[in-house]
C-alpha atoms as a PDB file:
ATOM      1  CA  MET A   1      88.643 100.422  78.744  1.00  0.00           C
ATOM      2  CA  TYR A   2      87.732  99.354  82.362  1.00  0.00           C
ATOM      3  CA  SER A   3      89.660  98.558  85.390  1.00  0.00           C
ATOM      4  CA  ILE A   4      88.325  95.517  87.479  1.00  0.00           C
ATOM      5  CA  LYS A   5      89.592  95.195  90.795  1.00  0.00           C
ATOM      6  CA  MET A   6      89.138  92.197  93.177  1.00  0.00           C
ATOM      7  CA  ARG A   7      89.787  92.118  96.980  1.00  0.00           C
ATOM      8  CA  ALA A   8      88.965  89.084  99.327  1.00  0.00           C
ATOM      9  CA  SER A   9      89.107  88.820 102.992  1.00  0.00           C
ATOM     10  CA  LYS A  10      88.036  86.799 105.921  1.00  0.00           C
ATOM     11  CA  ASN A  11      87.248  88.117 109.245  1.00  0.00           C
ATOM     12  CA  GLY A  12      88.697  91.487 107.994  1.00  0.00           C
ATOM     13  CA  LYS A  13      92.024  89.896 107.205  1.00  0.00           C
ATOM     14  CA  HIS A  14      93.231  90.346 103.533  1.00  0.00           C
ATOM     15  CA  ILE A  15      93.340  86.941 101.519  1.00  0.00           C
ATOM     16  CA  SER A  16      93.856  87.978  98.007  1.00  0.00           C
ATOM     17  CA  GLY A  17      93.569  90.758  95.413  1.00  0.00           C
ATOM     18  CA  ALA A  18      94.014  91.076  91.610  1.00  0.00           C
ATOM     19  CA  GLU A  19      93.325  93.761  88.932  1.00  0.00           C
ATOM     20  CA  ARG A  20      92.744  93.562  85.040  1.00  0.00           C
ATOM     21  CA  ILE A  21      92.333  96.290  82.577  1.00  0.00           C
ATOM     22  CA  VAL A  22      89.882  95.019  79.870  1.00  0.00           C
ATOM     23  CA  ASN A  23      87.555  96.044  77.052  1.00  0.00           C
ATOM     24  CA  LYS A  24      83.858  96.413  77.747  1.00  0.00           C
ATOM     25  CA  ASP A  25      83.093  93.052  76.127  1.00  0.00           C
ATOM     26  CA  GLU A  26      85.616  91.245  78.412  1.00  0.00           C
ATOM     27  CA  ILE A  27      84.258  92.490  81.725  1.00  0.00           C
ATOM     28  CA  GLU A  28      81.896  89.589  82.426  1.00  0.00           C
ATOM     29  CA  GLU A  29      84.280  86.788  81.814  1.00  0.00           C
ATOM     30  CA  THR A  30      87.076  88.689  83.818  1.00  0.00           C
ATOM     31  CA  VAL A  31      84.793  89.026  86.747  1.00  0.00           C
ATOM     32  CA  LYS A  32      84.235  85.399  86.703  1.00  0.00           C
ATOM     33  CA  GLU A  33      87.853  84.690  86.608  1.00  0.00           C
ATOM     34  CA  LEU A  34      88.670  87.055  89.515  1.00  0.00           C
ATOM     35  CA  VAL A  35      85.904  85.622  91.652  1.00  0.00           C
ATOM     36  CA  ARG A  36      87.091  82.094  90.924  1.00  0.00           C
ATOM     37  CA  ARG A  37      90.600  83.237  91.966  1.00  0.00           C
ATOM     38  CA  ALA A  38      89.334  84.698  95.188  1.00  0.00           C
ATOM     39  CA  LEU A  39      87.424  81.488  96.066  1.00  0.00           C
ATOM     40  CA  THR A  40      90.393  79.077  95.436  1.00  0.00           C
ATOM     41  CA  HIS A  41      93.206  80.992  97.087  1.00  0.00           C
ATOM     42  CA  GLU A  42      95.435  78.889  99.405  1.00  0.00           C
ATOM     43  CA  ASN A  43      95.101  81.429 102.271  1.00  0.00           C
ATOM     44  CA  GLY A  44      91.559  80.274 102.740  1.00  0.00           C
ATOM     45  CA  THR A  45      87.998  80.801 101.595  1.00  0.00           C
ATOM     46  CA  PRO A  46      86.916  84.402 101.949  1.00  0.00           C
ATOM     47  CA  ASP A  47      83.795  85.573 103.625  1.00  0.00           C
ATOM     48  CA  PHE A  48      83.913  88.899 101.684  1.00  0.00           C
ATOM     49  CA  ILE A  49      84.773  89.593  98.096  1.00  0.00           C
ATOM     50  CA  ASN A  50      84.649  93.000  96.600  1.00  0.00           C
ATOM     51  CA  ILE A  51      84.544  93.585  92.792  1.00  0.00           C
ATOM     52  CA  LYS A  52      84.921  97.177  91.673  1.00  0.00           C
ATOM     53  CA  ILE A  53      84.609  98.140  87.953  1.00  0.00           C
ATOM     54  CA  GLU A  54      85.624 101.557  86.811  1.00  0.00           C
ATOM     55  CA  GLU A  55      85.919 103.096  83.321  1.00  0.00           C
ATOM     56  CA  ILE A  56      89.349 104.485  82.770  1.00  0.00           C
ATOM     57  CA  LYS A  57      89.082 108.009  81.490  1.00  0.00           C
ATOM     58  CA  GLU A  58      92.758 108.965  81.720  1.00  0.00           C
ATOM     59  CA  GLU A  59      95.179 108.023  78.866  1.00  0.00           C
ATOM     60  CA  ILE A  60      96.767 104.672  79.591  1.00  0.00           C
ATOM     61  CA  THR A  61     100.574 104.588  79.581  1.00  0.00           C
ATOM     62  CA  TYR A  62     102.313 101.601  77.872  1.00  0.00           C
ATOM     63  CA  ILE A  63     105.782 100.573  78.946  1.00  0.00           C
ATOM     64  CA  ASN A  64     108.049  97.662  78.272  1.00  0.00           C
ATOM     65  CA  HIS A  65     108.534  95.184  81.157  1.00  0.00           C
ATOM     66  CA  LEU A  66     111.684  95.035  83.185  1.00  0.00           C
ATOM     67  CA  PRO A  67     114.194  92.317  82.005  1.00  0.00           C
ATOM     68  CA  ILE A  68     113.452  89.055  83.832  1.00  0.00           C
ATOM     69  CA  LYS A  69     116.235  87.019  85.500  1.00  0.00           C
ATOM     70  CA  THR A  70     115.976  84.045  87.815  1.00  0.00           C
ATOM     71  CA  ILE A  71     118.622  83.509  90.483  1.00  0.00           C
ATOM     72  CA  HIS A  72     118.510  80.145  92.185  1.00  0.00           C
ATOM     73  CA  CYS A  73     119.529  79.980  95.845  1.00  0.00           C
ATOM     74  CA  LYS A  74     119.757  76.955  98.087  1.00  0.00           C
ATOM     75  CA  ASP A  75     118.271  78.525 101.190  1.00  0.00           C
ATOM     76  CA  LYS A  76     116.818  81.638 102.696  1.00  0.00           C
ATOM     77  CA  GLU A  77     120.126  82.842 104.064  1.00  0.00           C
ATOM     78  CA  GLU A  78     121.780  82.731 100.597  1.00  0.00           C
ATOM     79  CA  ALA A  79     118.685  84.251  98.942  1.00  0.00           C
ATOM     80  CA  ARG A  80     118.511  87.172 101.397  1.00  0.00           C
ATOM     81  CA  GLU A  81     122.311  88.018 100.976  1.00  0.00           C
ATOM     82  CA  THR A  82     121.721  87.910  97.251  1.00  0.00           C
ATOM     83  CA  ALA A  83     118.981  90.352  97.397  1.00  0.00           C
ATOM     84  CA  LYS A  84     120.957  92.534  99.636  1.00  0.00           C
ATOM     85  CA  LYS A  85     123.825  92.658  97.240  1.00  0.00           C
ATOM     86  CA  ILE A  86     121.458  93.898  94.478  1.00  0.00           C
ATOM     87  CA  LEU A  87     119.965  96.550  96.782  1.00  0.00           C
ATOM     88  CA  ARG A  88     123.458  97.632  97.902  1.00  0.00           C
ATOM     89  CA  ASN A  89     124.322  98.278  94.335  1.00  0.00           C
ATOM     90  CA  GLU A  90     121.617 100.872  94.082  1.00  0.00           C
ATOM     91  CA  GLY A  91     123.060 102.664  97.132  1.00  0.00           C
ATOM     92  CA  ILE A  92     120.558 101.449  99.767  1.00  0.00           C
ATOM     93  CA  PRO A  93     122.291 101.090 103.210  1.00  0.00           C
ATOM     94  CA  ASP A  94     122.371  97.629 104.934  1.00  0.00           C
ATOM     95  CA  SER A  95     120.490  99.062 107.964  1.00  0.00           C
ATOM     96  CA  VAL A  96     117.543 100.137 105.698  1.00  0.00           C
ATOM     97  CA  ILE A  97     117.438  96.777 104.024  1.00  0.00           C
ATOM     98  CA  ASP A  98     117.436  94.999 107.396  1.00  0.00           C
ATOM     99  CA  TYR A  99     114.570  97.230 108.468  1.00  0.00           C
ATOM    100  CA  ALA A 100     112.709  96.178 105.165  1.00  0.00           C
ATOM    101  CA  TYR A 101     113.207  92.526 106.083  1.00  0.00           C
ATOM    102  CA  GLU A 102     111.649  93.343 109.526  1.00  0.00           C
ATOM    103  CA  ILE A 103     108.558  94.834 107.807  1.00  0.00           C
ATOM    104  CA  ILE A 104     108.178  91.878 105.444  1.00  0.00           C
ATOM    105  CA  ASP A 105     108.636  89.277 108.128  1.00  0.00           C
ATOM    106  CA  LYS A 106     105.979  90.808 110.249  1.00  0.00           C
ATOM    107  CA  GLY A 107     103.515  90.476 107.374  1.00  0.00           C
ATOM    108  CA  GLY A 108      99.865  91.508 107.383  1.00  0.00           C
ATOM    109  CA  MET A 109      99.965  94.629 105.067  1.00  0.00           C
ATOM    110  CA  ARG A 110      97.690  94.759 101.997  1.00  0.00           C
ATOM    111  CA  GLY A 111     100.112  97.108 100.291  1.00  0.00           C
ATOM    112  CA  ALA A 112     103.725  98.220 100.338  1.00  0.00           C
ATOM    113  CA  ALA A 113     105.804 100.157 102.879  1.00  0.00           C
ATOM    114  CA  ILE A 114     107.833 102.925 101.424  1.00  0.00           C
ATOM    115  CA  LEU A 115     111.331 103.645 102.899  1.00  0.00           C
ATOM    116  CA  ASN A 116     113.688 106.371 102.059  1.00  0.00           C
ATOM    117  CA  LEU A 117     117.499 106.016 102.429  1.00  0.00           C
ATOM    118  CA  LYS A 118     117.459 107.392 105.961  1.00  0.00           C
ATOM    119  CA  GLY A 119     115.255 104.318 106.859  1.00  0.00           C
ATOM    120  CA  GLU A 120     112.158 106.599 107.368  1.00  0.00           C
ATOM    121  CA  ARG A 121     108.773 105.093 106.541  1.00  0.00           C
ATOM    122  CA  LEU A 122     106.807 107.545 104.381  1.00  0.00           C
ATOM    123  CA  GLU A 123     103.506 105.923 103.707  1.00  0.00           C
ATOM    124  CA  PRO A 124     100.732 107.608 105.577  1.00  0.00           C
ATOM    125  CA  ASP A 125      98.811 104.398 106.615  1.00  0.00           C
ATOM    126  CA  LYS A 126     101.411 102.068 108.172  1.00  0.00           C
ATOM    127  CA  GLU A 127      98.778  99.290 108.645  1.00  0.00           C
ATOM    128  CA  ARG A 128      97.379  99.293 105.028  1.00  0.00           C
ATOM    129  CA  GLY A 129     100.579 100.443 103.040  1.00  0.00           C
ATOM    130  CA  VAL A 130     100.358 101.623  99.655  1.00  0.00           C
ATOM    131  CA  ARG A 131      98.695  99.684  96.860  1.00  0.00           C
ATOM    132  CA  VAL A 132      99.817  99.892  93.143  1.00  0.00           C
ATOM    133  CA  LYS A 133      96.510 100.031  91.239  1.00  0.00           C
ATOM    134  CA  ASN A 134      95.222 100.604  87.634  1.00  0.00           C
ATOM    135  CA  ILE A 135      97.608  98.252  86.132  1.00  0.00           C
ATOM    136  CA  ASP A 136      97.798  95.233  83.826  1.00  0.00           C
ATOM    137  CA  THR A 137      99.871  93.399  81.268  1.00  0.00           C
ATOM    138  CA  THR A 138      99.247  92.609  77.734  1.00  0.00           C
ATOM    139  CA  LYS A 139      98.023  89.156  76.829  1.00  0.00           C
ATOM    140  CA  GLU A 140     101.257  88.748  74.851  1.00  0.00           C
ATOM    141  CA  LEU A 141     103.498  89.421  77.853  1.00  0.00           C
ATOM    142  CA  LYS A 142     101.434  86.881  79.933  1.00  0.00           C
ATOM    143  CA  GLU A 143     101.830  84.290  77.173  1.00  0.00           C
ATOM    144  CA  LYS A 144     105.560  84.993  76.850  1.00  0.00           C
ATOM    145  CA  ILE A 145     106.270  84.660  80.603  1.00  0.00           C
ATOM    146  CA  LEU A 146     104.474  81.288  80.799  1.00  0.00           C
ATOM    147  CA  LYS A 147     105.627  79.907  77.547  1.00  0.00           C
ATOM    148  CA  GLU A 148     109.256  80.686  78.023  1.00  0.00           C
ATOM    149  CA  ASN A 149     109.308  79.498  81.624  1.00  0.00           C
ATOM    150  CA  LEU A 150     110.255  83.033  82.813  1.00  0.00           C
ATOM    151  CA  GLY A 151     107.952  82.574  85.860  1.00  0.00           C
ATOM    152  CA  THR A 152     104.437  81.744  86.930  1.00  0.00           C
ATOM    153  CA  GLU A 153     101.015  83.442  86.923  1.00  0.00           C
ATOM    154  CA  ARG A 154     102.168  85.153  90.121  1.00  0.00           C
ATOM    155  CA  THR A 155     105.084  86.462  88.162  1.00  0.00           C
ATOM    156  CA  VAL A 156     102.770  88.140  85.625  1.00  0.00           C
ATOM    157  CA  ASP A 157     101.157  90.263  88.186  1.00  0.00           C
ATOM    158  CA  ALA A 158     104.423  90.968  89.954  1.00  0.00           C
ATOM    159  CA  ILE A 159     106.312  92.100  86.940  1.00  0.00           C
ATOM    160  CA  ALA A 160     103.503  94.524  86.257  1.00  0.00           C
ATOM    161  CA  ILE A 161     103.852  96.030  89.627  1.00  0.00           C
ATOM    162  CA  ALA A 162     107.622  96.168  89.521  1.00  0.00           C
ATOM    163  CA  SER A 163     107.837  97.652  85.987  1.00  0.00           C
ATOM    164  CA  LYS A 164     105.365 100.406  86.993  1.00  0.00           C
ATOM    165  CA  VAL A 165     107.114 101.434  90.321  1.00  0.00           C
ATOM    166  CA  ILE A 166     110.533 101.513  88.747  1.00  0.00           C
ATOM    167  CA  HIS A 167     109.144 103.618  85.884  1.00  0.00           C
ATOM    168  CA  LEU A 168     107.844 105.969  88.309  1.00  0.00           C
ATOM    169  CA  GLY A 169     111.208 106.652  90.040  1.00  0.00           C
ATOM    170  CA  VAL A 170     111.289 104.140  92.806  1.00  0.00           C
ATOM    171  CA  ILE A 171     114.936 103.130  93.330  1.00  0.00           C
ATOM    172  CA  ALA A 172     114.109  99.411  94.056  1.00  0.00           C
ATOM    173  CA  GLU A 173     111.480  97.082  95.237  1.00  0.00           C
ATOM    174  CA  LEU A 174     111.727  94.018  97.690  1.00  0.00           C
ATOM    175  CA  CYS A 175     109.067  91.524  97.722  1.00  0.00           C
ATOM    176  CA  THR A 176     107.941  88.148  98.906  1.00  0.00           C
ATOM    177  CA  SER A 177     104.619  86.462  98.221  1.00  0.00           C
ATOM    178  CA  ASP A 178     101.721  86.368 100.932  1.00  0.00           C
ATOM    179  CA  ASN A 179     101.034  82.955  99.567  1.00  0.00           C
ATOM    180  CA  LYS A 180     102.190  80.645 102.232  1.00  0.00           C
ATOM    181  CA  SER A 181     103.801  77.938  99.996  1.00  0.00           C
ATOM    182  CA  TYR A 182     105.321  80.354  97.387  1.00  0.00           C
ATOM    183  CA  THR A 183     108.790  80.872  98.422  1.00  0.00           C
ATOM    184  CA  THR A 184     110.245  82.714  95.313  1.00  0.00           C
ATOM    185  CA  GLY A 185     110.508  86.566  95.873  1.00  0.00           C
ATOM    186  CA  TYR A 186     112.083  89.256  93.880  1.00  0.00           C
ATOM    187  CA  VAL A 187     114.076  92.410  93.816  1.00  0.00           C
ATOM    188  CA  ALA A 188     113.297  94.964  91.044  1.00  0.00           C
ATOM    189  CA  THR A 189     115.653  97.824  90.044  1.00  0.00           C
ATOM    190  CA  LYS A 190     116.191  99.869  86.843  1.00  0.00           C
ATOM    191  CA  LYS A 191     118.508  97.059  85.830  1.00  0.00           C
ATOM    192  CA  GLY A 192     115.882  94.366  85.911  1.00  0.00           C
ATOM    193  CA  TYR A 193     113.421  92.053  87.662  1.00  0.00           C
ATOM    194  CA  PHE A 194     115.265  89.492  89.659  1.00  0.00           C
ATOM    195  CA  ARG A 195     113.374  86.415  90.773  1.00  0.00           C
ATOM    196  CA  ILE A 196     115.203  84.882  93.786  1.00  0.00           C
ATOM    197  CA  THR A 197     114.218  81.340  94.912  1.00  0.00           C
ATOM    198  CA  ASN A 198     113.766  80.659  98.577  1.00  0.00           C
ATOM    199  CA  LEU A 199     113.738  84.249  99.610  1.00  0.00           C
ATOM    200  CA  LYS A 200     111.435  83.054 102.472  1.00  0.00           C
ATOM    201  CA  LYS A 201     110.675  79.733 103.913  1.00  0.00           C
ATOM    202  CA  GLU A 202     107.419  77.768 103.315  1.00  0.00           C
ATOM    203  CA  GLY A 203     104.591  78.924 105.570  1.00  0.00           C
ATOM    204  CA  GLU A 204     106.081  82.352 106.354  1.00  0.00           C
ATOM    205  CA  SER A 205     104.315  85.638 105.752  1.00  0.00           C
ATOM    206  CA  GLY A 206     105.096  87.935 102.716  1.00  0.00           C
ATOM    207  CA  GLY A 207     105.349  91.672 102.161  1.00  0.00           C
ATOM    208  CA  ARG A 208     106.573  94.480  99.876  1.00  0.00           C
ATOM    209  CA  VAL A 209     108.838  97.442 100.385  1.00  0.00           C
ATOM    210  CA  PHE A 210     109.622 100.316  97.941  1.00  0.00           C
ATOM    211  CA  PHE A 211     112.906 102.246  98.475  1.00  0.00           C
ATOM    212  CA  VAL A 212     112.899 105.919  97.406  1.00  0.00           C
ATOM    213  CA  LYS A 213     115.162 108.989  97.428  1.00  0.00           C
ATOM    214  CA  ASP A 214     115.061 111.222 100.468  1.00  0.00           C
ATOM    215  CA  ASP A 215     113.765 114.263  98.455  1.00  0.00           C
ATOM    216  CA  VAL A 216     110.865 112.203  96.816  1.00  0.00           C
ATOM    217  CA  ASP A 217     107.526 114.066  96.430  1.00  0.00           C
ATOM    218  CA  ILE A 218     105.699 111.244  98.341  1.00  0.00           C
ATOM    219  CA  GLU A 219     102.140 112.591  97.671  1.00  0.00           C
ATOM    220  CA  ASP A 220     102.766 112.745  93.991  1.00  0.00           C
ATOM    221  CA  LEU A 221     104.236 109.365  93.932  1.00  0.00           C
ATOM    222  CA  ILE A 222     101.454 107.581  95.879  1.00  0.00           C
ATOM    223  CA  ASN A 223      98.939 109.339  93.603  1.00  0.00           C
ATOM    224  CA  LYS A 224     100.621 108.022  90.420  1.00  0.00           C
ATOM    225  CA  LEU A 225     101.131 104.542  91.871  1.00  0.00           C
ATOM    226  CA  GLU A 226      97.409 104.283  92.877  1.00  0.00           C
ATOM    227  CA  ASN A 227      95.734 106.131  89.951  1.00  0.00           C
ATOM    228  CA  LYS A 228      97.868 106.645  86.827  1.00  0.00           C
ATOM    229  CA  PRO A 229      96.807 103.583  84.501  1.00  0.00           C
ATOM    230  CA  PHE A 230      99.585 101.471  82.999  1.00  0.00           C
ATOM    231  CA  ILE A 231      99.680  98.508  80.839  1.00  0.00           C
ATOM    232  CA  ILE A 232     102.993  96.563  80.766  1.00  0.00           C
ATOM    233  CA  LYS A 233     104.021  95.131  77.303  1.00  0.00           C
END
Protein backbone atom coordinates (compact mmCIF):
# COMPACT_ATOMS: atom_id res chain seq x y z
CA MET A 1 0.00 0.00 0.00
CA TYR A 2 1.01 3.62 -0.50
CA SER A 3 0.73 6.78 1.57
CA ILE A 4 -0.23 9.90 -0.39
CA LYS A 5 0.24 13.19 1.41
CA MET A 6 -0.92 16.59 0.17
CA ARG A 7 0.22 19.94 1.55
CA ALA A 8 -0.88 23.29 0.08
CA SER A 9 0.32 26.79 0.94
CA LYS A 10 0.30 30.39 -0.27
CA ASN A 11 3.18 32.80 0.30
CA GLY A 12 4.63 30.21 2.64
CA LYS A 13 1.47 30.04 4.79
CA HIS A 14 -0.21 26.66 5.25
CA ILE A 15 -3.65 26.39 3.61
CA SER A 16 -4.60 22.74 3.70
CA GLY A 17 -3.32 19.20 4.03
CA ALA A 18 -4.64 15.67 3.79
CA GLU A 19 -3.43 12.10 3.55
CA ARG A 20 -4.72 8.80 2.19
CA ILE A 21 -3.44 5.23 2.36
CA VAL A 22 -4.42 3.37 -0.79
CA ASN A 23 -3.60 0.45 -3.04
CA LYS A 24 -1.38 0.98 -6.09
CA ASP A 25 -4.32 1.06 -8.51
CA GLU A 26 -5.99 3.86 -6.50
CA ILE A 27 -3.04 6.27 -6.56
CA GLU A 28 -3.95 8.25 -9.70
CA GLU A 29 -7.56 8.92 -8.71
CA THR A 30 -6.57 9.76 -5.14
CA VAL A 31 -3.99 12.31 -6.32
CA LYS A 32 -6.69 14.01 -8.40
CA GLU A 33 -8.99 14.12 -5.37
CA LEU A 34 -6.33 15.67 -3.14
CA VAL A 35 -5.29 18.26 -5.73
CA ARG A 36 -8.95 19.20 -6.18
CA ARG A 37 -9.23 19.58 -2.41
CA ALA A 38 -6.17 21.83 -2.31
CA LEU A 39 -7.47 24.08 -5.09
CA THR A 40 -10.94 24.55 -3.58
CA HIS A 41 -10.10 25.21 0.07
CA GLU A 42 -11.91 28.14 1.67
CA ASN A 43 -8.63 29.49 3.06
CA GLY A 44 -7.59 30.51 -0.46
CA THR A 45 -6.01 29.30 -3.68
CA PRO A 46 -2.50 27.95 -3.06
CA ASP A 47 0.58 28.95 -5.01
CA PHE A 48 2.33 25.73 -3.95
CA ILE A 49 0.97 22.18 -3.78
CA ASN A 50 3.16 19.29 -2.71
CA ILE A 51 2.12 15.68 -3.34
CA LYS A 52 4.27 12.99 -1.73
CA ILE A 53 3.77 9.29 -2.54
CA GLU A 54 5.55 6.64 -0.50
CA GLU A 55 5.26 2.88 -0.38
CA ILE A 56 4.43 1.69 3.13
CA LYS A 57 6.88 -1.03 4.06
CA GLU A 58 6.06 -1.29 7.76
CA GLU A 59 3.11 -3.38 8.93
CA ILE A 60 -0.07 -1.29 9.17
CA THR A 61 -1.89 -1.21 12.51
CA TYR A 62 -5.69 -1.40 12.31
CA ILE A 63 -7.68 -0.06 15.26
CA ASN A 64 -11.33 0.75 15.96
CA HIS A 65 -12.41 4.39 15.97
CA LEU A 66 -13.23 6.17 19.22
CA PRO A 67 -16.94 6.34 20.08
CA ILE A 68 -18.42 9.51 18.56
CA LYS A 69 -20.70 11.85 20.48
CA THR A 70 -21.91 15.31 19.46
CA ILE A 71 -22.51 17.95 22.15
CA HIS A 72 -24.50 21.01 21.08
CA CYS A 73 -23.55 24.31 22.73
CA LYS A 74 -25.20 27.68 22.16
CA ASP A 75 -22.00 29.74 22.09
CA LYS A 76 -18.23 29.67 22.43
CA GLU A 77 -18.28 30.27 26.18
CA GLU A 78 -20.52 27.27 26.86
CA ALA A 79 -18.55 25.13 24.40
CA ARG A 80 -15.20 25.94 25.98
CA GLU A 81 -16.49 25.21 29.47
CA THR A 82 -17.88 21.91 28.20
CA ALA A 83 -14.51 20.99 26.72
CA LYS A 84 -12.77 22.03 29.91
CA LYS A 85 -14.97 19.72 32.02
CA ILE A 86 -14.08 16.75 29.81
CA LEU A 87 -10.37 17.58 30.09
CA ARG A 88 -10.59 18.11 33.85
CA ASN A 89 -12.01 14.61 34.20
CA GLU A 90 -8.76 13.32 32.67
CA GLY A 91 -6.72 15.08 35.38
CA ILE A 92 -5.60 18.04 33.27
CA PRO A 93 -5.23 21.24 35.37
CA ASP A 94 -7.24 24.34 34.42
CA SER A 95 -4.04 26.35 33.96
CA VAL A 96 -2.80 23.88 31.34
CA ILE A 97 -6.17 23.90 29.56
CA ASP A 98 -6.15 27.72 29.50
CA TYR A 99 -2.64 27.65 28.01
CA ALA A 100 -3.89 25.24 25.33
CA TYR A 101 -6.63 27.71 24.41
CA GLU A 102 -4.00 30.46 24.08
CA ILE A 103 -2.02 28.30 21.64
CA ILE A 104 -5.13 27.48 19.61
CA ASP A 105 -6.31 31.10 19.50
CA LYS A 106 -2.92 32.23 18.18
CA GLY A 107 -3.23 29.84 15.22
CA GLY A 108 -0.70 29.48 12.44
CA MET A 109 0.72 26.05 13.34
CA ARG A 110 0.70 23.28 10.75
CA GLY A 111 0.74 20.60 13.43
CA ALA A 112 -0.09 20.09 17.10
CA ALA A 113 1.44 21.49 20.25
CA ILE A 114 2.23 18.97 22.99
CA LEU A 115 1.71 19.93 26.64
CA ASN A 116 2.49 17.90 29.75
CA LEU A 117 0.53 18.27 32.97
CA LYS A 118 3.00 20.90 34.20
CA GLY A 119 2.11 23.07 31.22
CA GLU A 120 5.48 22.58 29.50
CA ARG A 121 5.57 22.50 25.71
CA LEU A 122 7.48 19.47 24.52
CA GLU A 123 7.43 19.57 20.71
CA PRO A 124 10.88 20.51 19.33
CA ASP A 125 9.60 22.92 16.65
CA LYS A 126 7.17 25.38 18.24
CA GLU A 127 6.35 27.05 14.92
CA ARG A 128 5.53 23.86 13.02
CA GLY A 129 4.24 21.62 15.79
CA VAL A 130 3.94 17.86 15.39
CA ARG A 131 1.98 16.34 12.50
CA VAL A 132 0.18 13.02 12.73
CA LYS A 133 1.06 11.20 9.52
CA ASN A 134 0.77 7.79 7.85
CA ILE A 135 -2.91 7.49 8.68
CA ASP A 136 -6.30 6.93 7.03
CA THR A 137 -9.72 5.43 7.69
CA THR A 138 -11.46 2.54 5.98
CA LYS A 139 -14.04 3.34 3.33
CA GLU A 140 -16.64 1.67 5.56
CA LEU A 141 -15.94 4.11 8.40
CA LYS A 142 -16.15 7.10 6.06
CA GLU A 143 -19.51 5.88 4.77
CA LYS A 144 -20.77 5.23 8.31
CA ILE A 145 -19.90 8.72 9.55
CA LEU A 146 -21.62 10.43 6.62
CA LYS A 147 -24.61 8.08 6.34
CA GLU A 148 -25.45 8.13 10.06
CA ASN A 149 -24.91 11.91 10.36
CA LEU A 150 -22.12 11.42 12.89
CA GLY A 151 -20.22 14.31 11.34
CA THR A 152 -18.87 15.71 8.07
CA GLU A 153 -15.95 14.88 5.78
CA ARG A 154 -13.82 16.91 8.18
CA THR A 155 -14.88 14.53 10.94
CA VAL A 156 -13.52 11.57 8.96
CA ASP A 157 -9.99 13.00 8.95
CA ALA A 158 -10.24 14.21 12.55
CA ILE A 159 -11.49 10.89 13.95
CA ALA A 160 -8.50 9.20 12.33
CA ILE A 161 -6.05 11.54 14.04
CA ALA A 162 -7.83 11.38 17.39
CA SER A 163 -8.07 7.59 17.41
CA LYS A 164 -4.37 7.17 16.61
CA VAL A 165 -3.08 9.66 19.18
CA ILE A 166 -5.22 8.27 22.00
CA HIS A 167 -4.19 4.72 21.09
CA LEU A 168 -0.54 5.80 21.39
CA GLY A 169 -1.04 6.99 24.97
CA VAL A 170 -1.87 10.69 24.61
CA ILE A 171 -4.20 11.58 27.51
CA ALA A 172 -6.41 13.91 25.50
CA GLU A 173 -6.59 16.08 22.40
CA LEU A 174 -8.24 19.50 22.00
CA CYS A 175 -8.82 20.77 18.46
CA THR A 176 -10.59 23.41 16.41
CA SER A 177 -10.47 23.56 12.61
CA ASP A 178 -8.28 25.98 10.66
CA ASN A 179 -11.23 26.35 8.25
CA LYS A 180 -12.52 29.83 9.10
CA SER A 181 -16.20 28.94 8.66
CA TYR A 182 -16.16 25.60 10.52
CA THR A 183 -16.90 26.25 14.19
CA THR A 184 -17.34 22.70 15.51
CA GLY A 185 -14.29 21.41 17.37
CA TYR A 186 -13.62 18.36 19.49
CA VAL A 187 -12.05 16.83 22.55
CA ALA A 188 -10.77 13.26 22.33
CA THR A 189 -9.98 11.01 25.29
CA LYS A 190 -9.98 7.24 25.85
CA LYS A 191 -13.70 7.67 26.65
CA GLY A 192 -14.52 8.95 23.16
CA TYR A 193 -14.44 11.58 20.46
CA PHE A 194 -16.63 14.49 21.59
CA ARG A 195 -17.69 16.85 18.79
CA ILE A 196 -18.55 20.22 20.38
CA THR A 197 -20.43 22.82 18.37
CA ASN A 198 -19.38 26.50 18.53
CA LEU A 199 -15.99 25.74 20.09
CA LYS A 200 -14.80 28.80 18.20
CA LYS A 201 -16.47 31.73 16.45
CA GLU A 202 -16.72 31.96 12.68
CA GLY A 203 -13.60 33.54 11.20
CA GLU A 204 -11.31 32.61 14.08
CA SER A 205 -8.12 30.58 13.77
CA GLY A 206 -7.89 26.91 14.71
CA GLY A 207 -5.31 24.70 16.33
CA ARG A 208 -4.55 21.36 17.92
CA VAL A 209 -3.05 20.43 21.31
CA PHE A 210 -2.08 17.01 22.71
CA PHE A 211 -1.92 16.52 26.49
CA VAL A 212 0.59 13.94 27.74
CA LYS A 213 1.95 12.57 31.02
CA ASP A 214 4.98 14.25 32.56
CA ASP A 215 7.13 11.13 32.12
CA VAL A 216 6.32 10.63 28.42
CA ASP A 217 9.12 9.52 26.11
CA ILE A 218 8.58 12.45 23.74
CA GLU A 219 10.98 11.28 21.02
CA ASP A 220 9.33 7.86 20.86
CA LEU A 221 5.84 9.38 20.84
CA ILE A 222 6.63 11.83 18.04
CA ASN A 223 8.27 9.08 15.99
CA LYS A 224 5.14 6.92 16.26
CA LEU A 225 2.75 9.83 15.60
CA GLU A 226 4.62 10.72 12.42
CA ASN A 227 5.82 7.37 11.10
CA LYS A 228 3.84 4.38 12.39
CA PRO A 229 1.10 3.57 9.82
CA PHE A 230 -2.48 3.29 11.12
CA ILE A 231 -5.80 2.66 9.46
CA ILE A 232 -8.90 3.40 11.57
CA LYS A 233 -11.86 1.07 11.13
